[in-house]
Amino acid sequence: MPQDVANLVTAARDGDRAAFDELVRVTYAETFTLALRLTGNEEDARDVVQDAYIRAFRGLGRFRGDAQFSTWMYRITANCANTHLVKRTKHRHEVLDDANPLADDHPAADPQLQADATALRHRLTAALEHLPPKLRQVVVLRDIYDLPHEAIAAELGISETAAKVRLHRARKKLREDLFPRRVEEAADAV
């Protein structure tokens, strides 16, 4: 068989298309098996094998015969599989079925969510206004302007510990005002 393959390679290099067709027939099963193992599915393996044989046909003139033709084909197939897998990961897509429509859960896409967010924002603003000024200052500086405790303390002229205590009290008061039922449930659980 190796001598037959060597004769087919020589004839194919000399331009005999039938010899190349016979080379494909003789080596196809091994080449396809390798492509299947490298890609993981039959459709991709068929694409890889097709690309590999096209490259082999175009590069047959450069085949020196230092290695067996099957070894050369394995190398070409491995390179084609690698190229194919890289392309597949770049262009990966999943087929969407009509049974599961896409949901856009952005508040701007759902009027109910938008209304809920607006209502919560108004409740939060009202709860902030009901806080004593000393507590409101700490919440605004920490949760809205994202200042660290040290900067809040320096800004308000208080100790860092006092800033942390005020922030804790302010958040607790806001929680009680915004979610009174949860606070009652937590108290009942204790």
N, C-alpha and C. Protein backbone atom coordinates (compact mmCIF):
# COMPACT_ATOMS: atom_id res chain seq x y z
N MET A 1 0.81 -1.20 0.00
CA MET A 1 0.00 0.00 0.00
C MET A 1 0.86 1.27 0.00
N PRO A 2 1.89 1.41 0.87
CA PRO A 2 2.71 2.61 0.83
C PRO A 2 3.33 2.85 -0.55
N GLN A 3 3.74 1.77 -1.23
CA GLN A 3 4.32 1.93 -2.56
C GLN A 3 3.25 2.40 -3.54
N ASP A 4 2.02 1.89 -3.38
CA ASP A 4 0.92 2.33 -4.24
C ASP A 4 0.65 3.82 -4.02
N VAL A 5 0.67 4.24 -2.75
CA VAL A 5 0.44 5.65 -2.43
C VAL A 5 1.56 6.49 -3.00
N ALA A 6 2.78 6.02 -2.89
CA ALA A 6 3.92 6.77 -3.44
C ALA A 6 3.79 6.91 -4.95
N ASN A 7 3.34 5.87 -5.62
CA ASN A 7 3.12 5.94 -7.06
C ASN A 7 2.00 6.93 -7.40
N LEU A 8 0.93 6.92 -6.59
CA LEU A 8 -0.18 7.84 -6.81
C LEU A 8 0.28 9.29 -6.60
N VAL A 9 1.10 9.52 -5.59
CA VAL A 9 1.62 10.86 -5.31
C VAL A 9 2.45 11.34 -6.49
N THR A 10 3.32 10.46 -7.01
CA THR A 10 4.16 10.84 -8.15
C THR A 10 3.30 11.17 -9.36
N ALA A 11 2.31 10.34 -9.62
CA ALA A 11 1.43 10.59 -10.76
C ALA A 11 0.63 11.87 -10.57
N ALA A 12 0.15 12.11 -9.35
CA ALA A 12 -0.64 13.32 -9.06
C ALA A 12 0.23 14.56 -9.20
N ARG A 13 1.48 14.48 -8.76
CA ARG A 13 2.38 15.63 -8.91
C ARG A 13 2.67 15.93 -10.38
N ASP A 14 2.61 14.91 -11.20
CA ASP A 14 2.82 15.08 -12.65
C ASP A 14 1.56 15.57 -13.35
N GLY A 15 0.47 15.79 -12.59
CA GLY A 15 -0.74 16.36 -13.17
C GLY A 15 -1.86 15.39 -13.43
N ASP A 16 -1.73 14.16 -12.96
CA ASP A 16 -2.78 13.16 -13.17
C ASP A 16 -3.89 13.35 -12.12
N ARG A 17 -5.02 13.93 -12.54
CA ARG A 17 -6.14 14.21 -11.61
C ARG A 17 -6.75 12.92 -11.07
N ALA A 18 -6.79 11.89 -11.89
CA ALA A 18 -7.35 10.61 -11.44
C ALA A 18 -6.50 10.03 -10.32
N ALA A 19 -5.19 10.23 -10.40
CA ALA A 19 -4.30 9.74 -9.34
C ALA A 19 -4.58 10.48 -8.04
N PHE A 20 -4.81 11.79 -8.11
CA PHE A 20 -5.13 12.54 -6.89
C PHE A 20 -6.48 12.09 -6.33
N ASP A 21 -7.45 11.87 -7.21
CA ASP A 21 -8.76 11.37 -6.75
C ASP A 21 -8.59 10.04 -6.02
N GLU A 22 -7.74 9.20 -6.53
CA GLU A 22 -7.48 7.91 -5.88
C GLU A 22 -6.77 8.11 -4.54
N LEU A 23 -5.85 9.08 -4.46
CA LEU A 23 -5.20 9.41 -3.18
C LEU A 23 -6.24 9.83 -2.15
N VAL A 24 -7.18 10.65 -2.57
CA VAL A 24 -8.25 11.09 -1.66
C VAL A 24 -9.04 9.87 -1.19
N ARG A 25 -9.41 8.99 -2.13
CA ARG A 25 -10.20 7.82 -1.76
C ARG A 25 -9.45 6.92 -0.78
N VAL A 26 -8.17 6.74 -0.99
CA VAL A 26 -7.36 5.85 -0.15
C VAL A 26 -7.14 6.44 1.25
N THR A 27 -6.99 7.74 1.36
CA THR A 27 -6.64 8.37 2.65
C THR A 27 -7.81 9.05 3.35
N TYR A 28 -8.98 9.05 2.71
CA TYR A 28 -10.11 9.83 3.24
C TYR A 28 -10.53 9.38 4.65
N ALA A 29 -10.67 8.09 4.89
CA ALA A 29 -11.17 7.60 6.18
C ALA A 29 -10.26 8.06 7.32
N GLU A 30 -8.96 7.92 7.15
CA GLU A 30 -8.02 8.33 8.21
C GLU A 30 -8.04 9.85 8.40
N THR A 31 -8.11 10.58 7.29
CA THR A 31 -8.11 12.04 7.36
C THR A 31 -9.39 12.53 8.03
N PHE A 32 -10.52 11.93 7.66
CA PHE A 32 -11.79 12.33 8.26
C PHE A 32 -11.81 12.01 9.75
N THR A 33 -11.31 10.84 10.13
CA THR A 33 -11.27 10.45 11.55
C THR A 33 -10.46 11.46 12.36
N LEU A 34 -9.32 11.86 11.83
CA LEU A 34 -8.50 12.85 12.52
C LEU A 34 -9.24 14.18 12.64
N ALA A 35 -9.86 14.62 11.55
CA ALA A 35 -10.60 15.89 11.58
C ALA A 35 -11.75 15.82 12.57
N LEU A 36 -12.43 14.70 12.62
CA LEU A 36 -13.55 14.53 13.56
C LEU A 36 -13.06 14.60 15.01
N ARG A 37 -11.94 13.97 15.28
CA ARG A 37 -11.39 14.01 16.64
C ARG A 37 -10.94 15.42 17.02
N LEU A 38 -10.44 16.15 16.05
CA LEU A 38 -9.95 17.50 16.34
C LEU A 38 -11.07 18.53 16.47
N THR A 39 -12.15 18.36 15.71
CA THR A 39 -13.22 19.37 15.72
C THR A 39 -14.38 19.00 16.64
N GLY A 40 -14.63 17.72 16.80
CA GLY A 40 -15.70 17.32 17.71
C GLY A 40 -17.05 17.12 17.05
N ASN A 41 -17.23 17.49 15.79
CA ASN A 41 -18.50 17.18 15.14
C ASN A 41 -18.30 16.93 13.65
N GLU A 42 -19.24 16.17 13.08
CA GLU A 42 -19.09 15.70 11.71
C GLU A 42 -19.12 16.82 10.68
N GLU A 43 -19.99 17.79 10.87
CA GLU A 43 -20.10 18.87 9.89
C GLU A 43 -18.78 19.65 9.80
N ASP A 44 -18.22 20.00 10.95
CA ASP A 44 -16.94 20.70 10.94
C ASP A 44 -15.84 19.82 10.37
N ALA A 45 -15.88 18.51 10.68
CA ALA A 45 -14.86 17.59 10.17
C ALA A 45 -14.91 17.53 8.65
N ARG A 46 -16.11 17.50 8.08
CA ARG A 46 -16.22 17.48 6.61
C ARG A 46 -15.63 18.75 6.01
N ASP A 47 -15.90 19.90 6.63
CA ASP A 47 -15.32 21.16 6.13
C ASP A 47 -13.80 21.13 6.21
N VAL A 48 -13.28 20.64 7.31
CA VAL A 48 -11.83 20.58 7.50
C VAL A 48 -11.19 19.66 6.47
N VAL A 49 -11.80 18.50 6.25
CA VAL A 49 -11.25 17.54 5.28
C VAL A 49 -11.25 18.16 3.88
N GLN A 50 -12.32 18.83 3.53
CA GLN A 50 -12.38 19.47 2.22
C GLN A 50 -11.26 20.50 2.08
N ASP A 51 -11.09 21.35 3.10
CA ASP A 51 -10.01 22.35 3.07
C ASP A 51 -8.64 21.67 2.99
N ALA A 52 -8.49 20.59 3.75
CA ALA A 52 -7.19 19.90 3.78
C ALA A 52 -6.84 19.34 2.40
N TYR A 53 -7.79 18.73 1.73
CA TYR A 53 -7.49 18.18 0.41
C TYR A 53 -7.27 19.28 -0.64
N ILE A 54 -7.95 20.39 -0.49
CA ILE A 54 -7.70 21.52 -1.40
C ILE A 54 -6.27 22.02 -1.21
N ARG A 55 -5.85 22.16 0.06
CA ARG A 55 -4.47 22.60 0.33
C ARG A 55 -3.46 21.57 -0.17
N ALA A 56 -3.79 20.30 0.03
CA ALA A 56 -2.87 19.25 -0.42
C ALA A 56 -2.74 19.28 -1.94
N PHE A 57 -3.83 19.47 -2.64
CA PHE A 57 -3.79 19.52 -4.10
C PHE A 57 -2.93 20.69 -4.57
N ARG A 58 -3.15 21.85 -3.93
CA ARG A 58 -2.38 23.04 -4.32
C ARG A 58 -0.90 22.92 -3.95
N GLY A 59 -0.62 22.21 -2.86
CA GLY A 59 0.77 22.13 -2.38
C GLY A 59 1.47 20.85 -2.76
N LEU A 60 0.85 20.02 -3.57
CA LEU A 60 1.43 18.73 -3.92
C LEU A 60 2.80 18.87 -4.57
N GLY A 61 3.02 19.94 -5.29
CA GLY A 61 4.32 20.16 -5.91
C GLY A 61 5.42 20.39 -4.88
N ARG A 62 5.04 20.85 -3.68
CA ARG A 62 6.04 21.09 -2.62
C ARG A 62 6.27 19.86 -1.74
N PHE A 63 5.46 18.81 -1.91
CA PHE A 63 5.63 17.58 -1.14
C PHE A 63 6.91 16.90 -1.59
N ARG A 64 7.89 16.81 -0.67
CA ARG A 64 9.22 16.29 -1.03
C ARG A 64 9.30 14.78 -0.91
N GLY A 65 8.41 14.17 -0.16
CA GLY A 65 8.47 12.73 0.01
C GLY A 65 9.36 12.30 1.15
N ASP A 66 9.82 13.27 2.00
CA ASP A 66 10.65 12.92 3.15
C ASP A 66 9.85 12.09 4.15
N ALA A 67 8.57 12.39 4.25
CA ALA A 67 7.67 11.65 5.13
C ALA A 67 6.62 10.96 4.25
N GLN A 68 5.83 10.11 4.87
CA GLN A 68 4.76 9.46 4.12
C GLN A 68 3.68 10.49 3.76
N PHE A 69 2.96 10.22 2.70
CA PHE A 69 1.88 11.12 2.30
C PHE A 69 0.85 11.26 3.41
N SER A 70 0.55 10.16 4.11
CA SER A 70 -0.46 10.21 5.19
C SER A 70 0.00 11.15 6.31
N THR A 71 1.28 11.14 6.63
CA THR A 71 1.81 12.04 7.66
C THR A 71 1.69 13.48 7.22
N TRP A 72 1.99 13.75 5.98
CA TRP A 72 1.85 15.10 5.42
C TRP A 72 0.39 15.54 5.46
N MET A 73 -0.53 14.63 5.11
CA MET A 73 -1.96 14.95 5.15
C MET A 73 -2.42 15.21 6.59
N TYR A 74 -1.88 14.45 7.55
CA TYR A 74 -2.25 14.67 8.95
C TYR A 74 -1.86 16.08 9.39
N ARG A 75 -0.67 16.50 8.99
CA ARG A 75 -0.21 17.85 9.35
C ARG A 75 -1.11 18.92 8.73
N ILE A 76 -1.43 18.73 7.46
CA ILE A 76 -2.32 19.68 6.79
C ILE A 76 -3.69 19.69 7.45
N THR A 77 -4.22 18.51 7.77
CA THR A 77 -5.54 18.39 8.40
C THR A 77 -5.53 19.06 9.78
N ALA A 78 -4.48 18.85 10.55
CA ALA A 78 -4.39 19.48 11.87
C ALA A 78 -4.37 20.99 11.75
N ASN A 79 -3.61 21.50 10.79
CA ASN A 79 -3.57 22.96 10.58
C ASN A 79 -4.93 23.50 10.15
N CYS A 80 -5.59 22.79 9.25
CA CYS A 80 -6.93 23.22 8.80
C CYS A 80 -7.93 23.18 9.95
N ALA A 81 -7.84 22.15 10.78
CA ALA A 81 -8.75 22.03 11.93
C ALA A 81 -8.52 23.19 12.90
N ASN A 82 -7.27 23.51 13.14
CA ASN A 82 -6.96 24.62 14.04
C ASN A 82 -7.52 25.92 13.49
N THR A 83 -7.32 26.18 12.21
CA THR A 83 -7.84 27.39 11.58
C THR A 83 -9.36 27.41 11.67
N HIS A 84 -9.98 26.27 11.41
CA HIS A 84 -11.45 26.19 11.44
C HIS A 84 -11.98 26.46 12.85
N LEU A 85 -11.33 25.89 13.85
CA LEU A 85 -11.79 26.08 15.23
C LEU A 85 -11.65 27.53 15.68
N VAL A 86 -10.58 28.18 15.26
CA VAL A 86 -10.40 29.59 15.60
C VAL A 86 -11.51 30.43 14.96
N LYS A 87 -11.79 30.16 13.70
CA LYS A 87 -12.87 30.88 13.01
C LYS A 87 -14.21 30.61 13.67
N ARG A 88 -14.44 29.35 14.06
CA ARG A 88 -15.72 28.98 14.67
C ARG A 88 -15.93 29.70 15.99
N THR A 89 -14.89 29.84 16.79
CA THR A 89 -15.06 30.52 18.07
C THR A 89 -15.29 32.01 17.87
N LYS A 90 -14.70 32.58 16.81
CA LYS A 90 -14.94 34.00 16.53
C LYS A 90 -16.35 34.24 16.02
N HIS A 91 -16.89 33.28 15.31
CA HIS A 91 -18.20 33.46 14.67
C HIS A 91 -19.25 32.54 15.27
N ARG A 92 -19.09 32.19 16.53
CA ARG A 92 -20.02 31.28 17.17
C ARG A 92 -21.38 31.94 17.33
N HIS A 93 -22.40 31.19 17.04
CA HIS A 93 -23.77 31.67 17.23
C HIS A 93 -24.65 30.49 17.60
N GLU A 94 -25.71 30.79 18.27
CA GLU A 94 -26.66 29.77 18.63
C GLU A 94 -27.96 30.06 17.91
N VAL A 95 -28.60 29.00 17.49
CA VAL A 95 -29.87 29.15 16.80
C VAL A 95 -30.93 29.44 17.84
N LEU A 96 -31.69 30.49 17.59
CA LEU A 96 -32.77 30.87 18.51
C LEU A 96 -34.07 30.28 17.99
N ASP A 97 -34.81 29.70 18.90
CA ASP A 97 -36.11 29.19 18.48
C ASP A 97 -37.19 30.20 18.83
N ASP A 98 -38.29 30.11 18.11
CA ASP A 98 -39.39 31.06 18.32
C ASP A 98 -40.18 30.75 19.58
N ALA A 99 -39.97 29.57 20.16
CA ALA A 99 -40.72 29.19 21.36
C ALA A 99 -40.33 30.04 22.57
N ASN A 100 -39.10 30.48 22.61
CA ASN A 100 -38.62 31.28 23.73
C ASN A 100 -38.24 32.67 23.25
N PRO A 101 -39.18 33.60 23.23
CA PRO A 101 -38.84 34.95 22.76
C PRO A 101 -37.86 35.62 23.73
N LEU A 102 -37.05 36.49 23.18
CA LEU A 102 -36.07 37.21 23.99
C LEU A 102 -36.78 38.24 24.85
N ALA A 103 -36.33 38.34 26.07
CA ALA A 103 -36.90 39.33 26.98
C ALA A 103 -35.89 40.44 27.18
N ASP A 104 -36.33 41.65 27.02
CA ASP A 104 -35.48 42.81 27.26
C ASP A 104 -35.83 43.32 28.65
N ASP A 105 -34.95 43.06 29.62
CA ASP A 105 -35.27 43.41 31.00
C ASP A 105 -34.69 44.75 31.43
N HIS A 106 -34.37 45.59 30.48
CA HIS A 106 -33.92 46.94 30.81
C HIS A 106 -35.15 47.76 31.19
N PRO A 107 -35.05 48.58 32.23
CA PRO A 107 -36.22 49.37 32.65
C PRO A 107 -36.79 50.22 31.52
N ALA A 108 -35.96 50.72 30.63
CA ALA A 108 -36.46 51.57 29.54
C ALA A 108 -37.34 50.78 28.58
N ALA A 109 -37.16 49.46 28.50
CA ALA A 109 -37.94 48.65 27.58
C ALA A 109 -39.27 48.20 28.18
N ASP A 110 -39.39 48.25 29.49
CA ASP A 110 -40.60 47.79 30.15
C ASP A 110 -41.23 48.95 30.91
N PRO A 111 -42.39 49.40 30.49
CA PRO A 111 -43.02 50.54 31.17
C PRO A 111 -43.27 50.28 32.66
N GLN A 112 -43.61 49.03 33.02
CA GLN A 112 -43.87 48.74 34.43
C GLN A 112 -42.59 48.87 35.26
N LEU A 113 -41.48 48.32 34.73
CA LEU A 113 -40.21 48.45 35.44
C LEU A 113 -39.78 49.91 35.53
N GLN A 114 -40.01 50.65 34.47
CA GLN A 114 -39.66 52.07 34.46
C GLN A 114 -40.47 52.83 35.51
N ALA A 115 -41.76 52.52 35.60
CA ALA A 115 -42.62 53.16 36.59
C ALA A 115 -42.20 52.78 38.01
N ASP A 116 -41.84 51.49 38.21
CA ASP A 116 -41.39 51.04 39.53
C ASP A 116 -40.09 51.74 39.93
N ALA A 117 -39.17 51.88 38.98
CA ALA A 117 -37.89 52.55 39.27
C ALA A 117 -38.12 54.02 39.60
N THR A 118 -39.02 54.65 38.87
CA THR A 118 -39.32 56.06 39.14
C THR A 118 -39.96 56.21 40.51
N ALA A 119 -40.89 55.33 40.84
CA ALA A 119 -41.55 55.39 42.15
C ALA A 119 -40.54 55.17 43.28
N LEU A 120 -39.63 54.21 43.09
CA LEU A 120 -38.60 53.96 44.11
C LEU A 120 -37.68 55.17 44.27
N ARG A 121 -37.33 55.80 43.15
CA ARG A 121 -36.48 56.99 43.20
C ARG A 121 -37.17 58.10 43.99
N HIS A 122 -38.47 58.30 43.77
CA HIS A 122 -39.22 59.33 44.51
C HIS A 122 -39.30 59.00 46.00
N ARG A 123 -39.51 57.71 46.31
CA ARG A 123 -39.56 57.30 47.72
C ARG A 123 -38.20 57.51 48.39
N LEU A 124 -37.13 57.20 47.67
CA LEU A 124 -35.79 57.38 48.21
C LEU A 124 -35.49 58.85 48.45
N THR A 125 -35.88 59.70 47.51
CA THR A 125 -35.66 61.15 47.66
C THR A 125 -36.42 61.67 48.87
N ALA A 126 -37.67 61.22 49.02
CA ALA A 126 -38.48 61.65 50.17
C ALA A 126 -37.87 61.16 51.49
N ALA A 127 -37.39 59.90 51.50
CA ALA A 127 -36.78 59.35 52.71
C ALA A 127 -35.51 60.10 53.05
N LEU A 128 -34.71 60.48 52.05
CA LEU A 128 -33.50 61.26 52.29
C LEU A 128 -33.85 62.62 52.89
N GLU A 129 -34.92 63.25 52.40
CA GLU A 129 -35.33 64.56 52.92
C GLU A 129 -35.77 64.49 54.37
N HIS A 130 -36.28 63.32 54.79
CA HIS A 130 -36.74 63.16 56.18
C HIS A 130 -35.59 62.88 57.16
N LEU A 131 -34.42 62.55 56.63
CA LEU A 131 -33.27 62.30 57.51
C LEU A 131 -32.80 63.62 58.12
N PRO A 132 -32.32 63.56 59.36
CA PRO A 132 -31.70 64.76 59.94
C PRO A 132 -30.49 65.16 59.08
N PRO A 133 -30.21 66.44 58.97
CA PRO A 133 -29.12 66.92 58.10
C PRO A 133 -27.78 66.23 58.35
N LYS A 134 -27.43 65.94 59.61
CA LYS A 134 -26.15 65.30 59.90
C LYS A 134 -26.06 63.90 59.27
N LEU A 135 -27.17 63.17 59.29
CA LEU A 135 -27.19 61.83 58.70
C LEU A 135 -27.26 61.90 57.18
N ARG A 136 -28.05 62.84 56.66
CA ARG A 136 -28.21 62.99 55.22
C ARG A 136 -26.87 63.32 54.57
N GLN A 137 -26.07 64.20 55.21
CA GLN A 137 -24.78 64.59 54.65
C GLN A 137 -23.88 63.36 54.45
N VAL A 138 -23.83 62.50 55.44
CA VAL A 138 -22.95 61.33 55.38
C VAL A 138 -23.40 60.38 54.26
N VAL A 139 -24.71 60.14 54.17
CA VAL A 139 -25.23 59.24 53.13
C VAL A 139 -24.92 59.79 51.74
N VAL A 140 -25.17 61.08 51.55
CA VAL A 140 -24.94 61.67 50.24
C VAL A 140 -23.46 61.60 49.87
N LEU A 141 -22.58 61.95 50.81
CA LEU A 141 -21.15 61.93 50.52
C LEU A 141 -20.63 60.51 50.25
N ARG A 142 -21.15 59.53 50.99
CA ARG A 142 -20.65 58.16 50.83
C ARG A 142 -21.32 57.44 49.66
N ASP A 143 -22.65 57.42 49.61
CA ASP A 143 -23.37 56.58 48.65
C ASP A 143 -23.62 57.25 47.31
N ILE A 144 -23.60 58.56 47.26
CA ILE A 144 -23.81 59.23 45.98
C ILE A 144 -22.49 59.70 45.40
N TYR A 145 -21.65 60.33 46.22
CA TYR A 145 -20.36 60.82 45.73
C TYR A 145 -19.22 59.82 45.94
N ASP A 146 -19.50 58.71 46.62
CA ASP A 146 -18.55 57.60 46.78
C ASP A 146 -17.25 58.03 47.46
N LEU A 147 -17.35 58.95 48.43
CA LEU A 147 -16.17 59.37 49.17
C LEU A 147 -15.83 58.34 50.24
N PRO A 148 -14.57 58.11 50.51
CA PRO A 148 -14.19 57.19 51.59
C PRO A 148 -14.49 57.83 52.95
N HIS A 149 -14.54 57.01 53.97
CA HIS A 149 -14.87 57.48 55.31
C HIS A 149 -13.92 58.58 55.79
N GLU A 150 -12.63 58.44 55.45
CA GLU A 150 -11.66 59.45 55.87
C GLU A 150 -11.99 60.82 55.28
N ALA A 151 -12.36 60.83 54.00
CA ALA A 151 -12.67 62.10 53.33
C ALA A 151 -13.96 62.70 53.89
N ILE A 152 -14.92 61.85 54.22
CA ILE A 152 -16.18 62.35 54.80
C ILE A 152 -15.89 62.99 56.15
N ALA A 153 -15.09 62.32 56.94
CA ALA A 153 -14.75 62.85 58.26
C ALA A 153 -14.05 64.20 58.13
N ALA A 154 -13.12 64.31 57.21
CA ALA A 154 -12.39 65.58 56.99
C ALA A 154 -13.34 66.65 56.50
N GLU A 155 -14.23 66.32 55.60
CA GLU A 155 -15.17 67.29 55.02
C GLU A 155 -16.12 67.84 56.09
N LEU A 156 -16.57 66.95 56.98
CA LEU A 156 -17.56 67.36 57.98
C LEU A 156 -16.91 67.79 59.30
N GLY A 157 -15.61 67.62 59.42
CA GLY A 157 -14.92 68.01 60.65
C GLY A 157 -15.26 67.11 61.82
N ILE A 158 -15.44 65.81 61.54
CA ILE A 158 -15.73 64.83 62.59
C ILE A 158 -14.72 63.70 62.50
N SER A 159 -14.73 62.81 63.48
CA SER A 159 -13.80 61.68 63.43
C SER A 159 -14.31 60.65 62.41
N GLU A 160 -13.39 59.80 61.99
CA GLU A 160 -13.76 58.74 61.04
C GLU A 160 -14.78 57.80 61.67
N THR A 161 -14.62 57.51 62.94
CA THR A 161 -15.57 56.65 63.65
C THR A 161 -16.95 57.28 63.67
N ALA A 162 -17.02 58.57 63.92
CA ALA A 162 -18.31 59.26 63.93
C ALA A 162 -18.96 59.21 62.54
N ALA A 163 -18.15 59.33 61.48
CA ALA A 163 -18.69 59.24 60.12
C ALA A 163 -19.28 57.86 59.87
N LYS A 164 -18.60 56.81 60.32
CA LYS A 164 -19.10 55.45 60.14
C LYS A 164 -20.39 55.22 60.93
N VAL A 165 -20.44 55.72 62.15
CA VAL A 165 -21.63 55.56 62.99
C VAL A 165 -22.81 56.29 62.35
N ARG A 166 -22.59 57.51 61.89
CA ARG A 166 -23.68 58.28 61.26
C ARG A 166 -24.17 57.57 60.00
N LEU A 167 -23.25 57.04 59.22
CA LEU A 167 -23.63 56.35 58.00
C LEU A 167 -24.47 55.12 58.34
N HIS A 168 -24.08 54.38 59.36
CA HIS A 168 -24.83 53.21 59.77
C HIS A 168 -26.24 53.61 60.22
N ARG A 169 -26.34 54.63 61.02
CA ARG A 169 -27.66 55.10 61.50
C ARG A 169 -28.51 55.60 60.35
N ALA A 170 -27.91 56.32 59.41
CA ALA A 170 -28.65 56.86 58.28
C ALA A 170 -29.19 55.73 57.40
N ARG A 171 -28.38 54.74 57.12
CA ARG A 171 -28.84 53.62 56.29
C ARG A 171 -29.93 52.83 57.00
N LYS A 172 -29.80 52.66 58.29
CA LYS A 172 -30.82 51.94 59.06
C LYS A 172 -32.14 52.69 59.00
N LYS A 173 -32.10 54.00 59.16
CA LYS A 173 -33.31 54.83 59.11
C LYS A 173 -33.92 54.78 57.71
N LEU A 174 -33.10 54.86 56.68
CA LEU A 174 -33.62 54.77 55.31
C LEU A 174 -34.28 53.42 55.06
N ARG A 175 -33.67 52.35 55.53
CA ARG A 175 -34.23 51.02 55.37
C ARG A 175 -35.59 50.93 56.05
N GLU A 176 -35.69 51.49 57.25
CA GLU A 176 -36.97 51.47 57.98
C GLU A 176 -38.04 52.26 57.23
N ASP A 177 -37.66 53.39 56.67
CA ASP A 177 -38.63 54.22 55.95
C ASP A 177 -39.04 53.61 54.62
N LEU A 178 -38.07 53.04 53.89
CA LEU A 178 -38.36 52.51 52.56
C LEU A 178 -39.01 51.12 52.58
N PHE A 179 -38.61 50.29 53.54
CA PHE A 179 -39.09 48.91 53.58
C PHE A 179 -39.58 48.56 54.99
N PRO A 180 -40.65 49.19 55.46
CA PRO A 180 -41.08 49.00 56.85
C PRO A 180 -41.49 47.55 57.16
N ARG A 181 -42.09 46.86 56.20
CA ARG A 181 -42.55 45.49 56.44
C ARG A 181 -41.36 44.56 56.66
N ARG A 182 -40.28 44.72 55.91
CA ARG A 182 -39.09 43.88 56.07
C ARG A 182 -38.45 44.08 57.44
N VAL A 183 -38.46 45.31 57.92
CA VAL A 183 -37.89 45.60 59.23
C VAL A 183 -38.71 44.93 60.31
N GLU A 184 -40.06 44.96 60.16
CA GLU A 184 -40.94 44.31 61.13
C GLU A 184 -40.73 42.80 61.11
N GLU A 185 -40.61 42.20 59.90
CA GLU A 185 -40.38 40.77 59.79
C GLU A 185 -39.07 40.36 60.40
N ALA A 186 -38.04 41.17 60.24
CA ALA A 186 -36.73 40.88 60.83
C ALA A 186 -36.80 40.95 62.34
N ALA A 187 -37.57 41.92 62.87
CA ALA A 187 -37.72 42.06 64.31
C ALA A 187 -38.49 40.87 64.89
N ASP A 188 -39.51 40.38 64.16
CA ASP A 188 -40.28 39.24 64.61
C ASP A 188 -39.46 37.95 64.60
N ALA A 189 -38.52 37.85 63.67
CA ALA A 189 -37.68 36.65 63.55
C ALA A 189 -36.71 36.53 64.72
N VAL A 190 -36.35 37.63 65.31
CA VAL A 190 -35.38 37.63 66.41
C VAL A 190 -36.08 37.29 67.66
